[in-house]
Amino acid sequence: EAVETRSKETGNHVKRVAEISKLLALKIGLDNDEAEILRLASPM
């Protein structure tokens, strides 16, 4: 969120990217543990 704020972009962008990433990860076949790691890491 600090990065997004500095670039004058909304902090909710990282939350949306995180949740969409997890959805796509599960649908493509990653297990729940790996999909959760992706969700937690994608804000960076």
ModelCIF file with pLDDT and N, C-alpha, C, O atoms, coordinates in Angstrom:
data_MODEL
#
_entry.id   MODEL 
#
_entity.id                         1 
_entity.type                       polymer 
_entity.pdbx_number_of_molecules   1 
#
_entity_poly.entity_id                      1 
_entity_poly.type                           'polypeptide(L)' 
_entity_poly.nstd_linkage                   no 
_entity_poly.nstd_monomer                   no 
_entity_poly.pdbx_seq_one_letter_code       EAVETRSKETGNHVKRVAEISKLLALKIGLDNDEAEILRLASPM 
_entity_poly.pdbx_seq_one_letter_code_can   EAVETRSKETGNHVKRVAEISKLLALKIGLDNDEAEILRLASPM 
_entity_poly.pdbx_strand_id                 A 
#
loop_
_entity_poly_seq.entity_id 
_entity_poly_seq.num 
_entity_poly_seq.mon_id 
_entity_poly_seq.hetero 
1 1  GLU n 
1 2  ALA n 
1 3  VAL n 
1 4  GLU n 
1 5  THR n 
1 6  ARG n 
1 7  SER n 
1 8  LYS n 
1 9  GLU n 
1 10 THR n 
1 11 GLY n 
1 12 ASN n 
1 13 HIS n 
1 14 VAL n 
1 15 LYS n 
1 16 ARG n 
1 17 VAL n 
1 18 ALA n 
1 19 GLU n 
1 20 ILE n 
1 21 SER n 
1 22 LYS n 
1 23 LEU n 
1 24 LEU n 
1 25 ALA n 
1 26 LEU n 
1 27 LYS n 
1 28 ILE n 
1 29 GLY n 
1 30 LEU n 
1 31 ASP n 
1 32 ASN n 
1 33 ASP n 
1 34 GLU n 
1 35 ALA n 
1 36 GLU n 
1 37 ILE n 
1 38 LEU n 
1 39 ARG n 
1 40 LEU n 
1 41 ALA n 
1 42 SER n 
1 43 PRO n 
1 44 MET n 
#
_struct_asym.id          A 
_struct_asym.entity_id   1 
#
loop_
_ma_qa_metric.id 
_ma_qa_metric.mode 
_ma_qa_metric.name 
_ma_qa_metric.software_group_id 
_ma_qa_metric.type 
1 global pLDDT . pLDDT 
2 local  pLDDT . pLDDT 
#
_ma_qa_metric_global.metric_id      1 
_ma_qa_metric_global.metric_value   84.82 
_ma_qa_metric_global.model_id       1 
_ma_qa_metric_global.ordinal_id     1 
#
loop_
_ma_qa_metric_local.label_asym_id 
_ma_qa_metric_local.label_comp_id 
_ma_qa_metric_local.label_seq_id 
_ma_qa_metric_local.metric_id 
_ma_qa_metric_local.metric_value 
_ma_qa_metric_local.model_id 
_ma_qa_metric_local.ordinal_id 
A GLU 1  2 71.00 1 1  
A ALA 2  2 73.00 1 2  
A VAL 3  2 73.00 1 3  
A GLU 4  2 68.00 1 4  
A THR 5  2 65.00 1 5  
A ARG 6  2 63.00 1 6  
A SER 7  2 57.00 1 7  
A LYS 8  2 53.00 1 8  
A GLU 9  2 56.00 1 9  
A THR 10 2 54.00 1 10 
A GLY 11 2 54.00 1 11 
A ASN 12 2 80.00 1 12 
A HIS 13 2 83.00 1 13 
A VAL 14 2 84.00 1 14 
A LYS 15 2 87.00 1 15 
A ARG 16 2 92.00 1 16 
A VAL 17 2 92.00 1 17 
A ALA 18 2 92.00 1 18 
A GLU 19 2 95.00 1 19 
A ILE 20 2 96.00 1 20 
A SER 21 2 96.00 1 21 
A LYS 22 2 96.00 1 22 
A LEU 23 2 97.00 1 23 
A LEU 24 2 97.00 1 24 
A ALA 25 2 97.00 1 25 
A LEU 26 2 97.00 1 26 
A LYS 27 2 97.00 1 27 
A ILE 28 2 97.00 1 28 
A GLY 29 2 96.00 1 29 
A LEU 30 2 96.00 1 30 
A ASP 31 2 93.00 1 31 
A ASN 32 2 91.00 1 32 
A ASP 33 2 89.00 1 33 
A GLU 34 2 94.00 1 34 
A ALA 35 2 95.00 1 35 
A GLU 36 2 91.00 1 36 
A ILE 37 2 92.00 1 37 
A LEU 38 2 94.00 1 38 
A ARG 39 2 93.00 1 39 
A LEU 40 2 89.00 1 40 
A ALA 41 2 92.00 1 41 
A SER 42 2 90.00 1 42 
A PRO 43 2 87.00 1 43 
A MET 44 2 88.00 1 44 
#
loop_
_atom_site.group_PDB 
_atom_site.id 
_atom_site.type_symbol 
_atom_site.label_atom_id 
_atom_site.label_alt_id 
_atom_site.label_comp_id 
_atom_site.label_asym_id 
_atom_site.label_entity_id 
_atom_site.label_seq_id 
_atom_site.pdbx_PDB_ins_code 
_atom_site.Cartn_x 
_atom_site.Cartn_y 
_atom_site.Cartn_z 
_atom_site.occupancy 
_atom_site.B_iso_or_equiv 
_atom_site.pdbx_formal_charge 
_atom_site.auth_seq_id 
_atom_site.auth_comp_id 
_atom_site.auth_asym_id 
_atom_site.auth_atom_id 
_atom_site.pdbx_PDB_model_num 
ATOM 1   N N  . GLU A 1 1  ? 0.824  -1.205  0.000   1.00 71.00 ? 1  GLU A N  1 
ATOM 2   C CA . GLU A 1 1  ? 0.000  0.000   0.000   1.00 71.00 ? 1  GLU A CA 1 
ATOM 3   C C  . GLU A 1 1  ? 0.864  1.263   0.000   1.00 71.00 ? 1  GLU A C  1 
ATOM 4   O O  . GLU A 1 1  ? 0.499  2.271   -0.606  1.00 71.00 ? 1  GLU A O  1 
ATOM 5   N N  . ALA A 1 2  ? 2.014  1.203   0.685   1.00 73.00 ? 2  ALA A N  1 
ATOM 6   C CA . ALA A 1 2  ? 2.916  2.356   0.703   1.00 73.00 ? 2  ALA A CA 1 
ATOM 7   C C  . ALA A 1 2  ? 3.426  2.651   -0.704  1.00 73.00 ? 2  ALA A C  1 
ATOM 8   O O  . ALA A 1 2  ? 3.520  3.811   -1.106  1.00 73.00 ? 2  ALA A O  1 
ATOM 9   N N  . VAL A 1 3  ? 3.754  1.594   -1.452  1.00 73.00 ? 3  VAL A N  1 
ATOM 10  C CA . VAL A 1 3  ? 4.222  1.774   -2.830  1.00 73.00 ? 3  VAL A CA 1 
ATOM 11  C C  . VAL A 1 3  ? 3.111  2.379   -3.680  1.00 73.00 ? 3  VAL A C  1 
ATOM 12  O O  . VAL A 1 3  ? 3.340  3.323   -4.437  1.00 73.00 ? 3  VAL A O  1 
ATOM 13  N N  . GLU A 1 4  ? 1.894  1.821   -3.547  1.00 68.00 ? 4  GLU A N  1 
ATOM 14  C CA . GLU A 1 4  ? 0.783  2.340   -4.348  1.00 68.00 ? 4  GLU A CA 1 
ATOM 15  C C  . GLU A 1 4  ? 0.458  3.783   -3.986  1.00 68.00 ? 4  GLU A C  1 
ATOM 16  O O  . GLU A 1 4  ? 0.135  4.587   -4.859  1.00 68.00 ? 4  GLU A O  1 
ATOM 17  N N  . THR A 1 5  ? 0.544  4.114   -2.692  1.00 65.00 ? 5  THR A N  1 
ATOM 18  C CA . THR A 1 5  ? 0.271  5.478   -2.254  1.00 65.00 ? 5  THR A CA 1 
ATOM 19  C C  . THR A 1 5  ? 1.303  6.444   -2.829  1.00 65.00 ? 5  THR A C  1 
ATOM 20  O O  . THR A 1 5  ? 0.969  7.546   -3.264  1.00 65.00 ? 5  THR A O  1 
ATOM 21  N N  . ARG A 1 6  ? 2.571  6.005   -2.822  1.00 63.00 ? 6  ARG A N  1 
ATOM 22  C CA . ARG A 1 6  ? 3.636  6.856   -3.357  1.00 63.00 ? 6  ARG A CA 1 
ATOM 23  C C  . ARG A 1 6  ? 3.430  7.110   -4.838  1.00 63.00 ? 6  ARG A C  1 
ATOM 24  O O  . ARG A 1 6  ? 3.752  8.187   -5.341  1.00 63.00 ? 6  ARG A O  1 
ATOM 25  N N  . SER A 1 7  ? 2.892  6.118   -5.538  1.00 57.00 ? 7  SER A N  1 
ATOM 26  C CA . SER A 1 7  ? 2.675  6.307   -6.968  1.00 57.00 ? 7  SER A CA 1 
ATOM 27  C C  . SER A 1 7  ? 1.286  6.868   -7.253  1.00 57.00 ? 7  SER A C  1 
ATOM 28  O O  . SER A 1 7  ? 0.798  6.838   -8.383  1.00 57.00 ? 7  SER A O  1 
ATOM 29  N N  . LYS A 1 8  ? 0.649  7.395   -6.164  1.00 53.00 ? 8  LYS A N  1 
ATOM 30  C CA . LYS A 1 8  ? -0.667 8.048   -6.283  1.00 53.00 ? 8  LYS A CA 1 
ATOM 31  C C  . LYS A 1 8  ? -1.721 7.094   -6.852  1.00 53.00 ? 8  LYS A C  1 
ATOM 32  O O  . LYS A 1 8  ? -2.590 7.502   -7.624  1.00 53.00 ? 8  LYS A O  1 
ATOM 33  N N  . GLU A 1 9  ? -1.633 5.833   -6.466  1.00 56.00 ? 9  GLU A N  1 
ATOM 34  C CA . GLU A 1 9  ? -2.630 4.843   -6.874  1.00 56.00 ? 9  GLU A CA 1 
ATOM 35  C C  . GLU A 1 9  ? -3.324 4.321   -5.625  1.00 56.00 ? 9  GLU A C  1 
ATOM 36  O O  . GLU A 1 9  ? -2.785 4.425   -4.523  1.00 56.00 ? 9  GLU A O  1 
ATOM 37  N N  . THR A 1 10 ? -4.486 3.775   -5.788  1.00 54.00 ? 10 THR A N  1 
ATOM 38  C CA . THR A 1 10 ? -5.271 3.333   -4.642  1.00 54.00 ? 10 THR A CA 1 
ATOM 39  C C  . THR A 1 10 ? -4.638 2.145   -3.935  1.00 54.00 ? 10 THR A C  1 
ATOM 40  O O  . THR A 1 10 ? -4.114 1.233   -4.574  1.00 54.00 ? 10 THR A O  1 
ATOM 41  N N  . GLY A 1 11 ? -4.694 2.167   -2.617  1.00 54.00 ? 11 GLY A N  1 
ATOM 42  C CA . GLY A 1 11 ? -4.172 1.042   -1.841  1.00 54.00 ? 11 GLY A CA 1 
ATOM 43  C C  . GLY A 1 11 ? -4.984 -0.217  -2.022  1.00 54.00 ? 11 GLY A C  1 
ATOM 44  O O  . GLY A 1 11 ? -4.458 -1.310  -1.816  1.00 54.00 ? 11 GLY A O  1 
ATOM 45  N N  . ASN A 1 12 ? -6.262 -0.109  -2.403  1.00 80.00 ? 12 ASN A N  1 
ATOM 46  C CA . ASN A 1 12 ? -7.098 -1.289  -2.617  1.00 80.00 ? 12 ASN A CA 1 
ATOM 47  C C  . ASN A 1 12 ? -6.693 -2.070  -3.853  1.00 80.00 ? 12 ASN A C  1 
ATOM 48  O O  . ASN A 1 12 ? -7.108 -3.216  -4.025  1.00 80.00 ? 12 ASN A O  1 
ATOM 49  N N  . HIS A 1 13 ? -5.897 -1.471  -4.706  1.00 83.00 ? 13 HIS A N  1 
ATOM 50  C CA . HIS A 1 13 ? -5.408 -2.199  -5.885  1.00 83.00 ? 13 HIS A CA 1 
ATOM 51  C C  . HIS A 1 13 ? -4.675 -3.462  -5.462  1.00 83.00 ? 13 HIS A C  1 
ATOM 52  O O  . HIS A 1 13 ? -4.883 -4.519  -6.059  1.00 83.00 ? 13 HIS A O  1 
ATOM 53  N N  . VAL A 1 14 ? -3.819 -3.379  -4.441  1.00 84.00 ? 14 VAL A N  1 
ATOM 54  C CA . VAL A 1 14 ? -3.033 -4.554  -4.043  1.00 84.00 ? 14 VAL A CA 1 
ATOM 55  C C  . VAL A 1 14 ? -3.940 -5.636  -3.455  1.00 84.00 ? 14 VAL A C  1 
ATOM 56  O O  . VAL A 1 14 ? -3.666 -6.826  -3.612  1.00 84.00 ? 14 VAL A O  1 
ATOM 57  N N  . LYS A 1 15 ? -5.019 -5.230  -2.781  1.00 87.00 ? 15 LYS A N  1 
ATOM 58  C CA . LYS A 1 15 ? -5.947 -6.224  -2.220  1.00 87.00 ? 15 LYS A CA 1 
ATOM 59  C C  . LYS A 1 15 ? -6.706 -6.937  -3.331  1.00 87.00 ? 15 LYS A C  1 
ATOM 60  O O  . LYS A 1 15 ? -6.916 -8.148  -3.277  1.00 87.00 ? 15 LYS A O  1 
ATOM 61  N N  . ARG A 1 16 ? -7.115 -6.164  -4.345  1.00 92.00 ? 16 ARG A N  1 
ATOM 62  C CA . ARG A 1 16 ? -7.831 -6.790  -5.458  1.00 92.00 ? 16 ARG A CA 1 
ATOM 63  C C  . ARG A 1 16 ? -6.919 -7.736  -6.232  1.00 92.00 ? 16 ARG A C  1 
ATOM 64  O O  . ARG A 1 16 ? -7.326 -8.841  -6.591  1.00 92.00 ? 16 ARG A O  1 
ATOM 65  N N  . VAL A 1 17 ? -5.701 -7.309  -6.487  1.00 92.00 ? 17 VAL A N  1 
ATOM 66  C CA . VAL A 1 17 ? -4.742 -8.169  -7.194  1.00 92.00 ? 17 VAL A CA 1 
ATOM 67  C C  . VAL A 1 17 ? -4.492 -9.439  -6.384  1.00 92.00 ? 17 VAL A C  1 
ATOM 68  O O  . VAL A 1 17 ? -4.380 -10.521 -6.960  1.00 92.00 ? 17 VAL A O  1 
ATOM 69  N N  . ALA A 1 18 ? -4.403 -9.325  -5.065  1.00 92.00 ? 18 ALA A N  1 
ATOM 70  C CA . ALA A 1 18 ? -4.159 -10.488 -4.196  1.00 92.00 ? 18 ALA A CA 1 
ATOM 71  C C  . ALA A 1 18 ? -5.288 -11.502 -4.318  1.00 92.00 ? 18 ALA A C  1 
ATOM 72  O O  . ALA A 1 18 ? -5.033 -12.692 -4.504  1.00 92.00 ? 18 ALA A O  1 
ATOM 73  N N  . GLU A 1 19 ? -6.528 -11.044 -4.216  1.00 95.00 ? 19 GLU A N  1 
ATOM 74  C CA . GLU A 1 19 ? -7.668 -11.960 -4.249  1.00 95.00 ? 19 GLU A CA 1 
ATOM 75  C C  . GLU A 1 19 ? -7.887 -12.553 -5.635  1.00 95.00 ? 19 GLU A C  1 
ATOM 76  O O  . GLU A 1 19 ? -8.223 -13.731 -5.758  1.00 95.00 ? 19 GLU A O  1 
ATOM 77  N N  . ILE A 1 20 ? -7.701 -11.748 -6.676  1.00 96.00 ? 20 ILE A N  1 
ATOM 78  C CA . ILE A 1 20 ? -7.848 -12.270 -8.045  1.00 96.00 ? 20 ILE A CA 1 
ATOM 79  C C  . ILE A 1 20 ? -6.750 -13.297 -8.328  1.00 96.00 ? 20 ILE A C  1 
ATOM 80  O O  . ILE A 1 20 ? -6.992 -14.314 -8.978  1.00 96.00 ? 20 ILE A O  1 
ATOM 81  N N  . SER A 1 21 ? -5.547 -13.021 -7.834  1.00 96.00 ? 21 SER A N  1 
ATOM 82  C CA . SER A 1 21 ? -4.431 -13.966 -8.037  1.00 96.00 ? 21 SER A CA 1 
ATOM 83  C C  . SER A 1 21 ? -4.736 -15.308 -7.390  1.00 96.00 ? 21 SER A C  1 
ATOM 84  O O  . SER A 1 21 ? -4.472 -16.356 -7.979  1.00 96.00 ? 21 SER A O  1 
ATOM 85  N N  . LYS A 1 22 ? -5.292 -15.284 -6.180  1.00 96.00 ? 22 LYS A N  1 
ATOM 86  C CA . LYS A 1 22 ? -5.605 -16.554 -5.517  1.00 96.00 ? 22 LYS A CA 1 
ATOM 87  C C  . LYS A 1 22 ? -6.688 -17.312 -6.280  1.00 96.00 ? 22 LYS A C  1 
ATOM 88  O O  . LYS A 1 22 ? -6.599 -18.528 -6.443  1.00 96.00 ? 22 LYS A O  1 
ATOM 89  N N  . LEU A 1 23 ? -7.703 -16.600 -6.744  1.00 97.00 ? 23 LEU A N  1 
ATOM 90  C CA . LEU A 1 23 ? -8.760 -17.242 -7.522  1.00 97.00 ? 23 LEU A CA 1 
ATOM 91  C C  . LEU A 1 23 ? -8.183 -17.931 -8.751  1.00 97.00 ? 23 LEU A C  1 
ATOM 92  O O  . LEU A 1 23 ? -8.486 -19.094 -9.014  1.00 97.00 ? 23 LEU A O  1 
ATOM 93  N N  . LEU A 1 24 ? -7.353 -17.217 -9.502  1.00 97.00 ? 24 LEU A N  1 
ATOM 94  C CA . LEU A 1 24 ? -6.750 -17.797 -10.710 1.00 97.00 ? 24 LEU A CA 1 
ATOM 95  C C  . LEU A 1 24 ? -5.842 -18.975 -10.364 1.00 97.00 ? 24 LEU A C  1 
ATOM 96  O O  . LEU A 1 24 ? -5.809 -19.972 -11.085 1.00 97.00 ? 24 LEU A O  1 
ATOM 97  N N  . ALA A 1 25 ? -5.109 -18.856 -9.264  1.00 97.00 ? 25 ALA A N  1 
ATOM 98  C CA . ALA A 1 25 ? -4.194 -19.926 -8.860  1.00 97.00 ? 25 ALA A CA 1 
ATOM 99  C C  . ALA A 1 25 ? -4.947 -21.214 -8.559  1.00 97.00 ? 25 ALA A C  1 
ATOM 100 O O  . ALA A 1 25 ? -4.529 -22.294 -8.976  1.00 97.00 ? 25 ALA A O  1 
ATOM 101 N N  . LEU A 1 26 ? -6.049 -21.101 -7.842  1.00 97.00 ? 26 LEU A N  1 
ATOM 102 C CA . LEU A 1 26 ? -6.836 -22.290 -7.517  1.00 97.00 ? 26 LEU A CA 1 
ATOM 103 C C  . LEU A 1 26 ? -7.459 -22.893 -8.777  1.00 97.00 ? 26 LEU A C  1 
ATOM 104 O O  . LEU A 1 26 ? -7.510 -24.113 -8.931  1.00 97.00 ? 26 LEU A O  1 
ATOM 105 N N  . LYS A 1 27 ? -7.922 -22.040 -9.662  1.00 97.00 ? 27 LYS A N  1 
ATOM 106 C CA . LYS A 1 27 ? -8.575 -22.533 -10.874 1.00 97.00 ? 27 LYS A CA 1 
ATOM 107 C C  . LYS A 1 27 ? -7.596 -23.217 -11.821 1.00 97.00 ? 27 LYS A C  1 
ATOM 108 O O  . LYS A 1 27 ? -7.976 -24.118 -12.568 1.00 97.00 ? 27 LYS A O  1 
ATOM 109 N N  . ILE A 1 28 ? -6.330 -22.785 -11.788 1.00 97.00 ? 28 ILE A N  1 
ATOM 110 C CA . ILE A 1 28 ? -5.356 -23.406 -12.696 1.00 97.00 ? 28 ILE A CA 1 
ATOM 111 C C  . ILE A 1 28 ? -4.746 -24.666 -12.089 1.00 97.00 ? 28 ILE A C  1 
ATOM 112 O O  . ILE A 1 28 ? -4.014 -25.391 -12.763 1.00 97.00 ? 28 ILE A O  1 
ATOM 113 N N  . GLY A 1 29 ? -5.049 -24.928 -10.813 1.00 96.00 ? 29 GLY A N  1 
ATOM 114 C CA . GLY A 1 29 ? -4.631 -26.204 -10.222 1.00 96.00 ? 29 GLY A CA 1 
ATOM 115 C C  . GLY A 1 29 ? -3.613 -26.133 -9.110  1.00 96.00 ? 29 GLY A C  1 
ATOM 116 O O  . GLY A 1 29 ? -3.174 -27.179 -8.631  1.00 96.00 ? 29 GLY A O  1 
ATOM 117 N N  . LEU A 1 30 ? -3.211 -24.935 -8.669  1.00 96.00 ? 30 LEU A N  1 
ATOM 118 C CA . LEU A 1 30 ? -2.316 -24.859 -7.516  1.00 96.00 ? 30 LEU A CA 1 
ATOM 119 C C  . LEU A 1 30 ? -3.081 -25.265 -6.260  1.00 96.00 ? 30 LEU A C  1 
ATOM 120 O O  . LEU A 1 30 ? -4.279 -25.005 -6.148  1.00 96.00 ? 30 LEU A O  1 
ATOM 121 N N  . ASP A 1 31 ? -2.386 -25.906 -5.311  1.00 93.00 ? 31 ASP A N  1 
ATOM 122 C CA . ASP A 1 31 ? -3.081 -26.295 -4.083  1.00 93.00 ? 31 ASP A CA 1 
ATOM 123 C C  . ASP A 1 31 ? -3.366 -25.059 -3.229  1.00 93.00 ? 31 ASP A C  1 
ATOM 124 O O  . ASP A 1 31 ? -2.839 -23.977 -3.485  1.00 93.00 ? 31 ASP A O  1 
ATOM 125 N N  . ASN A 1 32 ? -4.201 -25.240 -2.218  1.00 91.00 ? 32 ASN A N  1 
ATOM 126 C CA . ASN A 1 32 ? -4.663 -24.102 -1.426  1.00 91.00 ? 32 ASN A CA 1 
ATOM 127 C C  . ASN A 1 32 ? -3.513 -23.401 -0.713  1.00 91.00 ? 32 ASN A C  1 
ATOM 128 O O  . ASN A 1 32 ? -3.518 -22.178 -0.573  1.00 91.00 ? 32 ASN A O  1 
ATOM 129 N N  . ASP A 1 33 ? -2.532 -24.173 -0.265  1.00 89.00 ? 33 ASP A N  1 
ATOM 130 C CA . ASP A 1 33 ? -1.398 -23.583 0.452   1.00 89.00 ? 33 ASP A CA 1 
ATOM 131 C C  . ASP A 1 33 ? -0.601 -22.662 -0.479  1.00 89.00 ? 33 ASP A C  1 
ATOM 132 O O  . ASP A 1 33 ? -0.252 -21.543 -0.104  1.00 89.00 ? 33 ASP A O  1 
ATOM 133 N N  . GLU A 1 34 ? -0.320 -23.140 -1.687  1.00 94.00 ? 34 GLU A N  1 
ATOM 134 C CA . GLU A 1 34 ? 0.465  -22.333 -2.625  1.00 94.00 ? 34 GLU A CA 1 
ATOM 135 C C  . GLU A 1 34 ? -0.339 -21.124 -3.110  1.00 94.00 ? 34 GLU A C  1 
ATOM 136 O O  . GLU A 1 34 ? 0.208  -20.037 -3.300  1.00 94.00 ? 34 GLU A O  1 
ATOM 137 N N  . ALA A 1 35 ? -1.649 -21.330 -3.307  1.00 95.00 ? 35 ALA A N  1 
ATOM 138 C CA . ALA A 1 35 ? -2.501 -20.209 -3.720  1.00 95.00 ? 35 ALA A CA 1 
ATOM 139 C C  . ALA A 1 35 ? -2.535 -19.127 -2.643  1.00 95.00 ? 35 ALA A C  1 
ATOM 140 O O  . ALA A 1 35 ? -2.578 -17.936 -2.952  1.00 95.00 ? 35 ALA A O  1 
ATOM 141 N N  . GLU A 1 36 ? -2.515 -19.547 -1.383  1.00 91.00 ? 36 GLU A N  1 
ATOM 142 C CA . GLU A 1 36 ? -2.515 -18.575 -0.286  1.00 91.00 ? 36 GLU A CA 1 
ATOM 143 C C  . GLU A 1 36 ? -1.196 -17.824 -0.222  1.00 91.00 ? 36 GLU A C  1 
ATOM 144 O O  . GLU A 1 36 ? -1.178 -16.623 0.047   1.00 91.00 ? 36 GLU A O  1 
ATOM 145 N N  . ILE A 1 37 ? -0.083 -18.527 -0.468  1.00 92.00 ? 37 ILE A N  1 
ATOM 146 C CA . ILE A 1 37 ? 1.218  -17.849 -0.519  1.00 92.00 ? 37 ILE A CA 1 
ATOM 147 C C  . ILE A 1 37 ? 1.209  -16.792 -1.623  1.00 92.00 ? 37 ILE A C  1 
ATOM 148 O O  . ILE A 1 37 ? 1.706  -15.682 -1.430  1.00 92.00 ? 37 ILE A O  1 
ATOM 149 N N  . LEU A 1 38 ? 0.645  -17.139 -2.774  1.00 94.00 ? 38 LEU A N  1 
ATOM 150 C CA . LEU A 1 38 ? 0.560  -16.190 -3.885  1.00 94.00 ? 38 LEU A CA 1 
ATOM 151 C C  . LEU A 1 38 ? -0.301 -14.985 -3.495  1.00 94.00 ? 38 LEU A C  1 
ATOM 152 O O  . LEU A 1 38 ? 0.035  -13.844 -3.815  1.00 94.00 ? 38 LEU A O  1 
ATOM 153 N N  . ARG A 1 39 ? -1.402 -15.244 -2.809  1.00 93.00 ? 39 ARG A N  1 
ATOM 154 C CA . ARG A 1 39 ? -2.270 -14.141 -2.375  1.00 93.00 ? 39 ARG A CA 1 
ATOM 155 C C  . ARG A 1 39 ? -1.533 -13.188 -1.442  1.00 93.00 ? 39 ARG A C  1 
ATOM 156 O O  . ARG A 1 39 ? -1.652 -11.968 -1.553  1.00 93.00 ? 39 ARG A O  1 
ATOM 157 N N  . LEU A 1 40 ? -0.767 -13.772 -0.518  1.00 89.00 ? 40 LEU A N  1 
ATOM 158 C CA . LEU A 1 40 ? -0.064 -12.948 0.460   1.00 89.00 ? 40 LEU A CA 1 
ATOM 159 C C  . LEU A 1 40 ? 1.115  -12.198 -0.163  1.00 89.00 ? 40 LEU A C  1 
ATOM 160 O O  . LEU A 1 40 ? 1.466  -11.104 0.281   1.00 89.00 ? 40 LEU A O  1 
ATOM 161 N N  . ALA A 1 41 ? 1.725  -12.794 -1.196  1.00 92.00 ? 41 ALA A N  1 
ATOM 162 C CA . ALA A 1 41 ? 2.929  -12.193 -1.787  1.00 92.00 ? 41 ALA A CA 1 
ATOM 163 C C  . ALA A 1 41 ? 2.621  -11.194 -2.895  1.00 92.00 ? 41 ALA A C  1 
ATOM 164 O O  . ALA A 1 41 ? 3.415  -10.288 -3.145  1.00 92.00 ? 41 ALA A O  1 
ATOM 165 N N  . SER A 1 42 ? 1.490  -11.344 -3.557  1.00 90.00 ? 42 SER A N  1 
ATOM 166 C CA . SER A 1 42 ? 1.210  -10.511 -4.735  1.00 90.00 ? 42 SER A CA 1 
ATOM 167 C C  . SER A 1 42 ? 1.153  -9.011  -4.450  1.00 90.00 ? 42 SER A C  1 
ATOM 168 O O  . SER A 1 42 ? 1.434  -8.236  -5.364  1.00 90.00 ? 42 SER A O  1 
ATOM 169 N N  . PRO A 1 43 ? 0.806  -8.540  -3.234  1.00 87.00 ? 43 PRO A N  1 
ATOM 170 C CA . PRO A 1 43 ? 0.841  -7.091  -3.003  1.00 87.00 ? 43 PRO A CA 1 
ATOM 171 C C  . PRO A 1 43 ? 2.212  -6.468  -3.222  1.00 87.00 ? 43 PRO A C  1 
ATOM 172 O O  . PRO A 1 43 ? 2.324  -5.248  -3.340  1.00 87.00 ? 43 PRO A O  1 
ATOM 173 N N  . MET A 1 44 ? 3.266  -7.297  -3.277  1.00 88.00 ? 44 MET A N  1 
ATOM 174 C CA . MET A 1 44 ? 4.611  -6.757  -3.475  1.00 88.00 ? 44 MET A CA 1 
ATOM 175 C C  . MET A 1 44 ? 5.035  -6.743  -4.938  1.00 88.00 ? 44 MET A C  1 
ATOM 176 O O  . MET A 1 44 ? 6.145  -6.315  -5.254  1.00 88.00 ? 44 MET A O  1 
#
